[in-house]
C-alpha atoms as a PDB file:
ATOM      1  CA  MET A   1      -6.600  15.601  21.410  1.00  0.00           C
ATOM      2  CA  THR A   2      -3.494  15.198  19.894  1.00  0.00           C
ATOM      3  CA  LEU A   3      -2.616  11.501  17.960  1.00  0.00           C
ATOM      4  CA  THR A   4       1.184  10.345  18.559  1.00  0.00           C
ATOM      5  CA  LYS A   5       2.364   9.570  15.403  1.00  0.00           C
ATOM      6  CA  ARG A   6       5.434   7.108  14.197  1.00  0.00           C
ATOM      7  CA  SER A   7       7.385   7.129  10.896  1.00  0.00           C
ATOM      8  CA  TYR A   8       6.621   3.939   9.040  1.00  0.00           C
ATOM      9  CA  ASN A   9       8.263   2.763   5.884  1.00  0.00           C
ATOM     10  CA  THR A  10       5.023   0.558   4.168  1.00  0.00           C
ATOM     11  CA  THR A  11       5.246  -1.268   1.079  1.00  0.00           C
ATOM     12  CA  ILE A  12       2.293  -1.971  -1.072  1.00  0.00           C
ATOM     13  CA  ILE A  13       1.791  -4.591  -3.791  1.00  0.00           C
ATOM     14  CA  LEU A  14      -0.665  -3.503  -6.162  1.00  0.00           C
ATOM     15  CA  ASP A  15      -3.093  -6.131  -7.804  1.00  0.00           C
ATOM     16  CA  THR A  16      -2.888  -4.721 -11.269  1.00  0.00           C
ATOM     17  CA  ARG A  17      -5.446  -7.393 -13.247  1.00  0.00           C
ATOM     18  CA  ASP A  18      -8.533  -6.803 -14.593  1.00  0.00           C
ATOM     19  CA  GLN A  19      -7.790  -2.754 -13.792  1.00  0.00           C
ATOM     20  CA  GLU A  20      -8.567  -0.470 -16.442  1.00  0.00           C
ATOM     21  CA  LYS A  21      -6.958   2.293 -14.565  1.00  0.00           C
ATOM     22  CA  PRO A  22      -3.261   2.731 -14.811  1.00  0.00           C
ATOM     23  CA  ALA A  23      -0.910   1.806 -11.781  1.00  0.00           C
ATOM     24  CA  GLN A  24      -0.048   5.545 -11.347  1.00  0.00           C
ATOM     25  CA  GLU A  25      -3.867   6.345 -10.780  1.00  0.00           C
ATOM     26  CA  LEU A  26      -4.313   2.993  -8.603  1.00  0.00           C
ATOM     27  CA  ILE A  27      -1.157   4.394  -6.169  1.00  0.00           C
ATOM     28  CA  GLU A  28      -3.130   7.787  -6.172  1.00  0.00           C
ATOM     29  CA  ASP A  29      -6.391   6.342  -4.973  1.00  0.00           C
ATOM     30  CA  VAL A  30      -4.604   4.315  -2.224  1.00  0.00           C
ATOM     31  CA  LYS A  31      -2.789   7.058  -1.055  1.00  0.00           C
ATOM     32  CA  ASN A  32      -6.224   9.097  -1.082  1.00  0.00           C
ATOM     33  CA  THR A  33      -7.359   6.421   1.066  1.00  0.00           C
ATOM     34  CA  LEU A  34      -4.485   6.543   3.602  1.00  0.00           C
ATOM     35  CA  GLU A  35      -4.595  10.269   3.788  1.00  0.00           C
ATOM     36  CA  THR A  36      -8.676   9.652   5.446  1.00  0.00           C
ATOM     37  CA  MET A  37      -6.280   7.538   7.936  1.00  0.00           C
ATOM     38  CA  ASP A  38      -4.943  10.678   9.445  1.00  0.00           C
ATOM     39  CA  VAL A  39      -1.589   9.753   7.917  1.00  0.00           C
ATOM     40  CA  GLU A  40       1.158  12.123   6.359  1.00  0.00           C
ATOM     41  CA  ILE A  41       2.494  10.701   2.951  1.00  0.00           C
ATOM     42  CA  GLU A  42       6.337  12.265   3.148  1.00  0.00           C
ATOM     43  CA  GLU A  43       7.456  10.281   0.126  1.00  0.00           C
ATOM     44  CA  THR A  44       6.400   7.650  -2.613  1.00  0.00           C
ATOM     45  CA  VAL A  45       8.784   5.522  -4.672  1.00  0.00           C
ATOM     46  CA  ASP A  46       7.097   3.944  -7.495  1.00  0.00           C
ATOM     47  CA  LEU A  47       9.056   0.375  -7.713  1.00  0.00           C
ATOM     48  CA  GLY A  48       7.544  -0.831 -10.580  1.00  0.00           C
ATOM     49  CA  ARG A  49       6.187  -4.608 -11.780  1.00  0.00           C
ATOM     50  CA  ARG A  50       8.451  -7.084 -10.249  1.00  0.00           C
ATOM     51  CA  ASP A  51       8.121 -11.129  -9.753  1.00  0.00           C
ATOM     52  CA  PHE A  52       7.243 -12.800  -6.481  1.00  0.00           C
ATOM     53  CA  ALA A  53       9.685 -14.937  -5.003  1.00  0.00           C
ATOM     54  CA  ARG A  54       7.060 -17.627  -4.061  1.00  0.00           C
ATOM     55  CA  VAL A  55       4.593 -17.470  -6.840  1.00  0.00           C
ATOM     56  CA  THR A  56       1.164 -18.916  -5.633  1.00  0.00           C
ATOM     57  CA  ASP A  57      -1.047 -18.325  -8.409  1.00  0.00           C
ATOM     58  CA  ALA A  58       0.443 -19.260 -11.575  1.00  0.00           C
ATOM     59  CA  ASN A  59      -1.666 -16.478 -13.145  1.00  0.00           C
ATOM     60  CA  PHE A  60      -0.177 -13.792 -11.051  1.00  0.00           C
ATOM     61  CA  PRO A  61       3.545 -14.215 -11.096  1.00  0.00           C
ATOM     62  CA  SER A  62       4.546 -10.452 -10.473  1.00  0.00           C
ATOM     63  CA  GLY A  63       2.561  -7.269  -9.268  1.00  0.00           C
ATOM     64  CA  HIS A  64       3.471  -3.531  -8.949  1.00  0.00           C
ATOM     65  CA  TYR A  65       5.310  -2.758  -6.085  1.00  0.00           C
ATOM     66  CA  PHE A  66       5.290   0.813  -4.114  1.00  0.00           C
ATOM     67  CA  LEU A  67       6.978   2.318  -1.035  1.00  0.00           C
ATOM     68  CA  LEU A  68       5.481   4.965   1.069  1.00  0.00           C
ATOM     69  CA  MET A  69       7.153   6.662   4.021  1.00  0.00           C
ATOM     70  CA  ILE A  70       5.242   7.684   6.247  1.00  0.00           C
ATOM     71  CA  LYS A  71       3.810   9.418   9.484  1.00  0.00           C
ATOM     72  CA  ALA A  72       0.909   7.871  11.162  1.00  0.00           C
ATOM     73  CA  PRO A  73      -1.032   7.079  14.774  1.00  0.00           C
ATOM     74  CA  THR A  74       1.061   4.325  16.547  1.00  0.00           C
ATOM     75  CA  PHE A  75      -2.636   2.296  15.452  1.00  0.00           C
ATOM     76  CA  PHE A  76      -1.969   2.752  12.224  1.00  0.00           C
ATOM     77  CA  ALA A  77       0.091  -0.745  11.822  1.00  0.00           C
ATOM     78  CA  ASP A  78      -2.837  -2.824  13.192  1.00  0.00           C
ATOM     79  CA  ARG A  79      -5.683  -0.836  11.358  1.00  0.00           C
ATOM     80  CA  VAL A  80      -4.410  -0.472   7.675  1.00  0.00           C
ATOM     81  CA  VAL A  81      -4.645  -4.165   6.570  1.00  0.00           C
ATOM     82  CA  GLU A  82      -8.407  -4.297   7.869  1.00  0.00           C
ATOM     83  CA  LYS A  83      -8.933  -0.590   5.809  1.00  0.00           C
ATOM     84  CA  PHE A  84      -7.787  -2.845   2.728  1.00  0.00           C
ATOM     85  CA  ARG A  85      -8.896  -5.721   3.351  1.00  0.00           C
ATOM     86  CA  LEU A  86     -11.914  -5.779   0.738  1.00  0.00           C
ATOM     87  CA  ASP A  87     -10.352  -3.732  -1.827  1.00  0.00           C
ATOM     88  CA  LYS A  88      -8.867  -6.080  -4.828  1.00  0.00           C
ATOM     89  CA  THR A  89      -7.026  -3.969  -6.385  1.00  0.00           C
ATOM     90  CA  VAL A  90      -4.186  -4.211  -3.100  1.00  0.00           C
ATOM     91  CA  TYR A  91      -2.556  -7.762  -2.902  1.00  0.00           C
ATOM     92  CA  ARG A  92      -0.178  -7.399  -0.107  1.00  0.00           C
ATOM     93  CA  ILE A  93       0.979  -4.694   3.086  1.00  0.00           C
ATOM     94  CA  MET A  94       4.076  -4.529   4.849  1.00  0.00           C
ATOM     95  CA  VAL A  95       4.692  -1.955   7.255  1.00  0.00           C
ATOM     96  CA  GLN A  96       7.770  -1.543   9.018  1.00  0.00           C
ATOM     97  CA  SER A  97       8.636   0.922  12.383  1.00  0.00           C
END
């Protein structure tokens, strides 16, 4: 059975506090996890560390952003949040179709 795939822009914010790995390794870990979900990563753009528009935690005023242009099954947007729910390095995930 062939799954229908759509194009998505996915922005991921990493929480690099208390991490020994550099951000590049954390990005590669996230990409490897996404590939287990039948995702084809077309392009990765590392946006670097950026301040949050609204700070909810005074000890965490900024995060490391990166953007992925991907092709993924139509259920991707629902399942990606659940996949990273317990992953402490992924702070937020925003999926745009």
